[in-house]
Structures are given as C-alpha cells and as structure tokens.
Amino acid sequence: MSPQWLKHRFTHTCTVERDVGTAQSASGEPQASWSDIGTMSGRFVEEREKIASPSTGFVMVKTHRWLCDAGITSEGTAIAVDDRIETILDPDGNSIDVGPFGIEEILQRRGIKGDAHHLSLKLERVEVA
C-alpha cells in the first residue's frame, strides 16, 4: 500500500480500455474493438529528456507515465499490458490529455523495506486511424 503522502498526489483520473476483439474490417479481418473497463485514480507524469544524437545533435524525448496504487479499475479489474489509457482528467474534471496511450510496461515500485509501494506504467501514445 502506498504511503499517504503519495496517495494524496493521485489526483488524476483516467479511463482504461481493453480490446474485446469483436470488430471486423470491411474486408472481414478481425480488428481491435476497445471497451471501457473502468476508471482509475493516479498521477499522469510527462518527462522530457535531452539525448545526444551524433547525426542531429540533441534530441528531446518525451516519456509518459501513469503512477497508481494497485492497478485496479473502479470496476475491480486489474490493469494489464494489453490495455490502454484513454482520457486523463485533472481533479476538476478537465482533460489533461486525450490518449489513447498503450501500456508498454508495468513496473512495481518497492519501498525501502521491500514492500510494494505503487505501480508505474510506461505509456506510449497510440496513433488512431
């Protein structure tokens, strides 16, 4: 369980979607069909990092992360790597970012004593056709 000081920073809310796989393209090919599986409280973090590139000098890389307590949605479903994060809202209900973001990696962060502290989800913006 996260310490209280961290929980107080989980002021953002996101919608979590899962591929239910029931859609078909015009040619009959199966395609992703995303359905809401609930909302989740957490913290959306956008990090920028300057990386040296021999061909172009410096390149700015933007990384998105979602920090959350246990990774369980409001509907009681555990989040998985194949899910995606949709609209992210601030405490007043204003949109911070409209995804979708695919979940690249789910990392469990641990405290000093080795106990589970919180989850850090590495996100990647998804191109929507």
N, C-alpha and C. Protein backbone atom coordinates (compact mmCIF):
# COMPACT_ATOMS: atom_id res chain seq x y z
N MET A 1 0.82 -1.18 0.00
CA MET A 1 0.00 0.00 0.00
C MET A 1 0.87 1.24 0.00
N SER A 2 0.48 2.26 -0.74
CA SER A 2 1.26 3.48 -0.84
C SER A 2 1.14 4.32 0.42
N PRO A 3 2.20 5.05 0.76
CA PRO A 3 2.10 5.95 1.90
C PRO A 3 1.11 7.08 1.61
N GLN A 4 0.60 7.69 2.66
CA GLN A 4 -0.42 8.73 2.49
C GLN A 4 0.07 9.90 1.64
N TRP A 5 1.32 10.32 1.78
CA TRP A 5 1.80 11.47 1.01
C TRP A 5 1.74 11.19 -0.49
N LEU A 6 1.93 9.93 -0.89
CA LEU A 6 1.86 9.59 -2.30
C LEU A 6 0.41 9.51 -2.76
N LYS A 7 -0.44 8.91 -1.96
CA LYS A 7 -1.86 8.80 -2.31
C LYS A 7 -2.49 10.16 -2.53
N HIS A 8 -2.07 11.15 -1.76
CA HIS A 8 -2.62 12.50 -1.91
C HIS A 8 -2.24 13.12 -3.26
N ARG A 9 -1.24 12.59 -3.90
CA ARG A 9 -0.81 13.09 -5.21
C ARG A 9 -1.50 12.37 -6.37
N PHE A 10 -2.25 11.32 -6.08
CA PHE A 10 -3.01 10.60 -7.09
C PHE A 10 -4.33 11.33 -7.33
N THR A 11 -4.23 12.52 -7.92
CA THR A 11 -5.41 13.38 -8.10
C THR A 11 -5.98 13.31 -9.51
N HIS A 12 -5.33 12.59 -10.39
CA HIS A 12 -5.82 12.46 -11.76
C HIS A 12 -6.67 11.20 -11.89
N THR A 13 -7.50 11.18 -12.91
CA THR A 13 -8.34 10.02 -13.21
C THR A 13 -8.20 9.68 -14.68
N CYS A 14 -8.14 8.41 -15.01
CA CYS A 14 -8.09 8.01 -16.41
C CYS A 14 -9.14 6.93 -16.68
N THR A 15 -9.49 6.81 -17.93
CA THR A 15 -10.36 5.74 -18.39
C THR A 15 -9.48 4.64 -18.94
N VAL A 16 -9.73 3.40 -18.53
CA VAL A 16 -8.94 2.26 -19.00
C VAL A 16 -9.81 1.47 -19.98
N GLU A 17 -9.21 1.09 -21.10
CA GLU A 17 -9.93 0.33 -22.12
C GLU A 17 -9.22 -0.99 -22.37
N ARG A 18 -10.01 -2.00 -22.78
CA ARG A 18 -9.47 -3.32 -23.11
C ARG A 18 -10.02 -3.74 -24.46
N ASP A 19 -9.18 -4.40 -25.26
CA ASP A 19 -9.60 -4.92 -26.56
C ASP A 19 -10.50 -6.13 -26.35
N VAL A 20 -11.75 -6.00 -26.80
CA VAL A 20 -12.69 -7.12 -26.69
C VAL A 20 -12.73 -7.95 -27.97
N GLY A 21 -12.04 -7.46 -29.03
CA GLY A 21 -11.83 -8.24 -30.25
C GLY A 21 -13.06 -8.67 -31.01
N THR A 22 -14.10 -7.87 -31.02
CA THR A 22 -15.33 -8.29 -31.70
C THR A 22 -15.59 -7.56 -33.00
N ALA A 23 -14.74 -6.64 -33.38
CA ALA A 23 -14.96 -5.85 -34.60
C ALA A 23 -14.32 -6.52 -35.81
N GLN A 24 -14.87 -6.21 -36.99
CA GLN A 24 -14.29 -6.68 -38.25
C GLN A 24 -14.16 -5.50 -39.20
N SER A 25 -13.09 -5.53 -40.00
CA SER A 25 -12.90 -4.50 -41.01
C SER A 25 -13.85 -4.79 -42.18
N ALA A 26 -13.87 -3.88 -43.16
CA ALA A 26 -14.73 -4.05 -44.34
C ALA A 26 -14.38 -5.32 -45.10
N SER A 27 -13.11 -5.77 -45.01
CA SER A 27 -12.70 -6.98 -45.72
C SER A 27 -12.87 -8.24 -44.87
N GLY A 28 -13.45 -8.10 -43.68
CA GLY A 28 -13.70 -9.27 -42.83
C GLY A 28 -12.58 -9.62 -41.88
N GLU A 29 -11.51 -8.81 -41.87
CA GLU A 29 -10.39 -9.06 -40.97
C GLU A 29 -10.77 -8.66 -39.55
N PRO A 30 -10.39 -9.46 -38.54
CA PRO A 30 -10.65 -9.05 -37.15
C PRO A 30 -9.80 -7.83 -36.82
N GLN A 31 -10.37 -6.90 -36.08
CA GLN A 31 -9.62 -5.72 -35.67
C GLN A 31 -9.97 -5.39 -34.23
N ALA A 32 -9.15 -4.55 -33.63
CA ALA A 32 -9.35 -4.19 -32.23
C ALA A 32 -10.67 -3.45 -32.04
N SER A 33 -11.35 -3.80 -30.99
CA SER A 33 -12.57 -3.12 -30.60
C SER A 33 -12.44 -2.82 -29.11
N TRP A 34 -12.24 -1.54 -28.77
CA TRP A 34 -11.92 -1.16 -27.41
C TRP A 34 -13.18 -0.86 -26.62
N SER A 35 -13.20 -1.36 -25.38
CA SER A 35 -14.33 -1.17 -24.49
C SER A 35 -13.82 -0.70 -23.12
N ASP A 36 -14.53 0.27 -22.51
CA ASP A 36 -14.14 0.76 -21.18
C ASP A 36 -14.25 -0.36 -20.15
N ILE A 37 -13.21 -0.50 -19.31
CA ILE A 37 -13.26 -1.47 -18.22
C ILE A 37 -13.25 -0.76 -16.86
N GLY A 38 -13.37 0.56 -16.88
CA GLY A 38 -13.44 1.33 -15.65
C GLY A 38 -12.52 2.52 -15.64
N THR A 39 -12.52 3.22 -14.53
CA THR A 39 -11.63 4.36 -14.34
C THR A 39 -10.62 4.02 -13.25
N MET A 40 -9.58 4.84 -13.17
CA MET A 40 -8.53 4.58 -12.19
C MET A 40 -7.97 5.92 -11.72
N SER A 41 -7.73 6.03 -10.43
CA SER A 41 -7.06 7.21 -9.87
C SER A 41 -5.57 7.00 -9.97
N GLY A 42 -4.84 8.09 -10.18
CA GLY A 42 -3.40 8.00 -10.27
C GLY A 42 -2.80 9.36 -10.54
N ARG A 43 -1.63 9.36 -11.11
CA ARG A 43 -0.93 10.61 -11.44
C ARG A 43 -0.31 10.46 -12.82
N PHE A 44 -0.66 11.38 -13.73
CA PHE A 44 -0.08 11.41 -15.07
C PHE A 44 1.18 12.25 -15.02
N VAL A 45 2.28 11.68 -15.49
CA VAL A 45 3.57 12.37 -15.46
C VAL A 45 4.14 12.39 -16.87
N GLU A 46 4.57 13.57 -17.30
CA GLU A 46 5.21 13.73 -18.61
C GLU A 46 6.64 14.19 -18.35
N GLU A 47 7.60 13.38 -18.80
CA GLU A 47 9.01 13.70 -18.59
C GLU A 47 9.66 14.00 -19.93
N ARG A 48 10.55 14.98 -19.93
CA ARG A 48 11.32 15.31 -21.13
C ARG A 48 12.80 15.08 -20.84
N GLU A 49 13.48 14.46 -21.79
CA GLU A 49 14.88 14.14 -21.61
C GLU A 49 15.64 14.52 -22.87
N LYS A 50 16.79 15.15 -22.70
CA LYS A 50 17.62 15.53 -23.82
C LYS A 50 18.65 14.43 -24.05
N ILE A 51 18.66 13.88 -25.27
CA ILE A 51 19.58 12.79 -25.61
C ILE A 51 20.47 13.24 -26.77
N ALA A 52 21.76 12.96 -26.64
CA ALA A 52 22.72 13.32 -27.69
C ALA A 52 22.58 12.37 -28.86
N SER A 53 22.52 12.95 -30.06
CA SER A 53 22.45 12.16 -31.29
C SER A 53 23.61 12.59 -32.18
N PRO A 54 24.45 11.66 -32.64
CA PRO A 54 25.60 12.04 -33.47
C PRO A 54 25.21 12.73 -34.77
N SER A 55 24.07 12.38 -35.33
CA SER A 55 23.68 12.94 -36.63
C SER A 55 22.95 14.27 -36.53
N THR A 56 22.18 14.49 -35.47
CA THR A 56 21.36 15.70 -35.40
C THR A 56 21.65 16.57 -34.18
N GLY A 57 22.62 16.24 -33.39
CA GLY A 57 22.87 17.00 -32.17
C GLY A 57 22.05 16.42 -31.03
N PHE A 58 21.28 17.28 -30.40
CA PHE A 58 20.45 16.82 -29.28
C PHE A 58 19.02 16.59 -29.73
N VAL A 59 18.41 15.56 -29.18
CA VAL A 59 17.02 15.22 -29.47
C VAL A 59 16.26 15.21 -28.15
N MET A 60 15.09 15.83 -28.14
CA MET A 60 14.24 15.79 -26.94
C MET A 60 13.32 14.59 -27.03
N VAL A 61 13.31 13.77 -25.99
CA VAL A 61 12.45 12.60 -25.93
C VAL A 61 11.43 12.83 -24.81
N LYS A 62 10.17 12.61 -25.14
CA LYS A 62 9.10 12.78 -24.16
C LYS A 62 8.61 11.40 -23.72
N THR A 63 8.56 11.20 -22.42
CA THR A 63 8.10 9.94 -21.85
C THR A 63 6.85 10.21 -21.02
N HIS A 64 5.85 9.34 -21.17
CA HIS A 64 4.62 9.46 -20.39
C HIS A 64 4.54 8.30 -19.41
N ARG A 65 4.12 8.60 -18.18
CA ARG A 65 3.95 7.56 -17.16
C ARG A 65 2.64 7.78 -16.43
N TRP A 66 2.07 6.68 -15.96
CA TRP A 66 0.89 6.71 -15.10
C TRP A 66 1.29 6.03 -13.80
N LEU A 67 1.24 6.77 -12.69
CA LEU A 67 1.55 6.23 -11.38
C LEU A 67 0.23 5.94 -10.68
N CYS A 68 0.11 4.76 -10.10
CA CYS A 68 -1.13 4.39 -9.42
C CYS A 68 -0.83 3.46 -8.25
N ASP A 69 -1.84 3.26 -7.42
CA ASP A 69 -1.67 2.48 -6.21
C ASP A 69 -1.58 0.98 -6.51
N ALA A 70 -2.69 0.36 -6.88
CA ALA A 70 -2.70 -1.09 -7.05
C ALA A 70 -2.98 -1.55 -8.47
N GLY A 71 -3.33 -0.63 -9.37
CA GLY A 71 -3.62 -1.02 -10.74
C GLY A 71 -4.97 -1.69 -10.92
N ILE A 72 -5.93 -1.34 -10.06
CA ILE A 72 -7.28 -1.91 -10.13
C ILE A 72 -8.25 -0.80 -10.55
N THR A 73 -9.08 -1.08 -11.54
CA THR A 73 -10.04 -0.08 -12.01
C THR A 73 -11.23 0.01 -11.05
N SER A 74 -12.07 1.01 -11.29
CA SER A 74 -13.27 1.20 -10.47
C SER A 74 -14.21 0.01 -10.56
N GLU A 75 -14.09 -0.79 -11.60
CA GLU A 75 -14.93 -1.98 -11.79
C GLU A 75 -14.29 -3.23 -11.18
N GLY A 76 -13.11 -3.07 -10.56
CA GLY A 76 -12.46 -4.21 -9.91
C GLY A 76 -11.57 -5.04 -10.83
N THR A 77 -11.27 -4.53 -12.02
CA THR A 77 -10.46 -5.25 -12.98
C THR A 77 -9.00 -4.83 -12.86
N ALA A 78 -8.09 -5.79 -12.83
CA ALA A 78 -6.65 -5.49 -12.78
C ALA A 78 -6.18 -5.04 -14.15
N ILE A 79 -5.37 -4.01 -14.18
CA ILE A 79 -4.85 -3.48 -15.44
C ILE A 79 -3.79 -4.44 -16.00
N ALA A 80 -3.70 -4.52 -17.33
CA ALA A 80 -2.76 -5.43 -17.99
C ALA A 80 -2.01 -4.67 -19.08
N VAL A 81 -0.91 -5.23 -19.54
CA VAL A 81 -0.08 -4.58 -20.56
C VAL A 81 -0.84 -4.39 -21.87
N ASP A 82 -1.79 -5.25 -22.18
CA ASP A 82 -2.54 -5.12 -23.44
C ASP A 82 -3.64 -4.07 -23.38
N ASP A 83 -3.91 -3.49 -22.20
CA ASP A 83 -4.92 -2.45 -22.07
C ASP A 83 -4.37 -1.14 -22.58
N ARG A 84 -5.23 -0.13 -22.58
CA ARG A 84 -4.75 1.19 -22.93
C ARG A 84 -5.46 2.24 -22.07
N ILE A 85 -4.79 3.39 -21.95
CA ILE A 85 -5.28 4.51 -21.16
C ILE A 85 -5.89 5.52 -22.14
N GLU A 86 -7.11 5.92 -21.84
CA GLU A 86 -7.80 6.90 -22.70
C GLU A 86 -7.76 8.26 -22.01
N THR A 87 -8.81 8.96 -21.96
CA THR A 87 -8.86 10.33 -21.45
C THR A 87 -8.35 10.43 -20.01
N ILE A 88 -7.48 11.43 -19.77
CA ILE A 88 -6.92 11.68 -18.45
C ILE A 88 -7.45 13.02 -17.96
N LEU A 89 -8.04 13.02 -16.76
CA LEU A 89 -8.69 14.21 -16.21
C LEU A 89 -7.98 14.69 -14.95
N ASP A 90 -8.00 16.02 -14.74
CA ASP A 90 -7.47 16.60 -13.51
C ASP A 90 -8.55 16.54 -12.43
N PRO A 91 -8.27 17.00 -11.20
CA PRO A 91 -9.26 16.89 -10.12
C PRO A 91 -10.58 17.64 -10.39
N ASP A 92 -10.54 18.64 -11.26
CA ASP A 92 -11.74 19.41 -11.58
C ASP A 92 -12.52 18.83 -12.75
N GLY A 93 -12.04 17.70 -13.31
CA GLY A 93 -12.72 17.07 -14.44
C GLY A 93 -12.32 17.61 -15.80
N ASN A 94 -11.26 18.44 -15.84
CA ASN A 94 -10.76 18.97 -17.10
C ASN A 94 -9.79 17.98 -17.73
N SER A 95 -9.81 17.87 -19.03
CA SER A 95 -8.94 16.94 -19.74
C SER A 95 -7.49 17.42 -19.70
N ILE A 96 -6.60 16.57 -19.23
CA ILE A 96 -5.16 16.86 -19.27
C ILE A 96 -4.60 16.40 -20.60
N ASP A 97 -5.01 15.19 -21.01
CA ASP A 97 -4.53 14.63 -22.27
C ASP A 97 -5.54 13.60 -22.75
N VAL A 98 -5.79 13.61 -24.03
CA VAL A 98 -6.67 12.61 -24.62
C VAL A 98 -5.76 11.62 -25.33
N GLY A 99 -5.81 10.40 -24.90
CA GLY A 99 -4.97 9.34 -25.47
C GLY A 99 -5.44 8.99 -26.86
N PRO A 100 -5.36 7.80 -27.22
CA PRO A 100 -5.02 6.70 -26.31
C PRO A 100 -3.52 6.51 -26.14
N PHE A 101 -3.18 5.94 -25.00
CA PHE A 101 -1.82 5.54 -24.70
C PHE A 101 -1.80 4.03 -24.50
N GLY A 102 -0.93 3.34 -25.22
CA GLY A 102 -0.73 1.93 -24.97
C GLY A 102 0.16 1.77 -23.74
N ILE A 103 0.01 0.67 -23.03
CA ILE A 103 0.83 0.40 -21.86
C ILE A 103 1.99 -0.48 -22.30
N GLU A 104 3.19 0.09 -22.30
CA GLU A 104 4.39 -0.64 -22.71
C GLU A 104 4.90 -1.57 -21.62
N GLU A 105 4.79 -1.10 -20.38
CA GLU A 105 5.40 -1.84 -19.29
C GLU A 105 4.71 -1.47 -17.98
N ILE A 106 4.54 -2.44 -17.09
CA ILE A 106 4.01 -2.19 -15.76
C ILE A 106 5.11 -2.55 -14.77
N LEU A 107 5.57 -1.55 -14.04
CA LEU A 107 6.65 -1.76 -13.08
C LEU A 107 6.13 -1.60 -11.67
N GLN A 108 6.41 -2.58 -10.82
CA GLN A 108 6.01 -2.47 -9.42
C GLN A 108 7.15 -1.83 -8.66
N ARG A 109 6.88 -0.69 -8.06
CA ARG A 109 7.89 0.02 -7.29
C ARG A 109 7.81 -0.42 -5.84
N ARG A 110 8.96 -0.57 -5.22
CA ARG A 110 9.01 -1.06 -3.84
C ARG A 110 9.62 0.00 -2.92
N GLY A 111 9.20 -0.02 -1.68
CA GLY A 111 9.73 0.88 -0.67
C GLY A 111 11.07 0.38 -0.15
N ILE A 112 11.61 1.07 0.82
CA ILE A 112 12.91 0.72 1.40
C ILE A 112 12.89 -0.67 2.02
N LYS A 113 11.77 -1.05 2.62
CA LYS A 113 11.66 -2.35 3.29
C LYS A 113 11.31 -3.47 2.32
N GLY A 114 11.19 -3.17 1.03
CA GLY A 114 10.90 -4.18 0.03
C GLY A 114 9.42 -4.42 -0.21
N ASP A 115 8.57 -3.70 0.50
CA ASP A 115 7.13 -3.87 0.32
C ASP A 115 6.65 -3.12 -0.93
N ALA A 116 5.56 -3.61 -1.52
CA ALA A 116 5.00 -2.98 -2.72
C ALA A 116 4.59 -1.55 -2.38
N HIS A 117 5.03 -0.61 -3.19
CA HIS A 117 4.82 0.82 -2.92
C HIS A 117 3.75 1.38 -3.84
N HIS A 118 3.97 1.28 -5.15
CA HIS A 118 3.00 1.72 -6.15
C HIS A 118 3.39 1.13 -7.50
N LEU A 119 2.54 1.31 -8.50
CA LEU A 119 2.84 0.87 -9.86
C LEU A 119 3.20 2.06 -10.71
N SER A 120 4.12 1.85 -11.64
CA SER A 120 4.49 2.86 -12.62
C SER A 120 4.27 2.24 -13.99
N LEU A 121 3.34 2.81 -14.77
CA LEU A 121 3.03 2.31 -16.10
C LEU A 121 3.73 3.18 -17.13
N LYS A 122 4.57 2.58 -17.94
CA LYS A 122 5.23 3.31 -19.02
C LYS A 122 4.26 3.33 -20.20
N LEU A 123 3.91 4.53 -20.68
CA LEU A 123 2.91 4.68 -21.72
C LEU A 123 3.54 5.10 -23.04
N GLU A 124 2.87 4.73 -24.12
CA GLU A 124 3.28 5.15 -25.46
C GLU A 124 2.03 5.61 -26.20
N ARG A 125 2.10 6.82 -26.76
CA ARG A 125 0.94 7.36 -27.49
C ARG A 125 0.65 6.47 -28.69
N VAL A 126 -0.64 6.18 -28.88
CA VAL A 126 -1.08 5.31 -29.96
C VAL A 126 -1.65 6.15 -31.09
N GLU A 127 -1.24 5.85 -32.30
CA GLU A 127 -1.80 6.51 -33.48
C GLU A 127 -3.16 5.92 -33.77
N VAL A 128 -4.15 6.76 -33.92
CA VAL A 128 -5.50 6.28 -34.22
C VAL A 128 -5.83 6.62 -35.66
N ALA A 129 -6.22 5.60 -36.42
CA ALA A 129 -6.52 5.79 -37.84
C ALA A 129 -7.95 6.23 -38.04
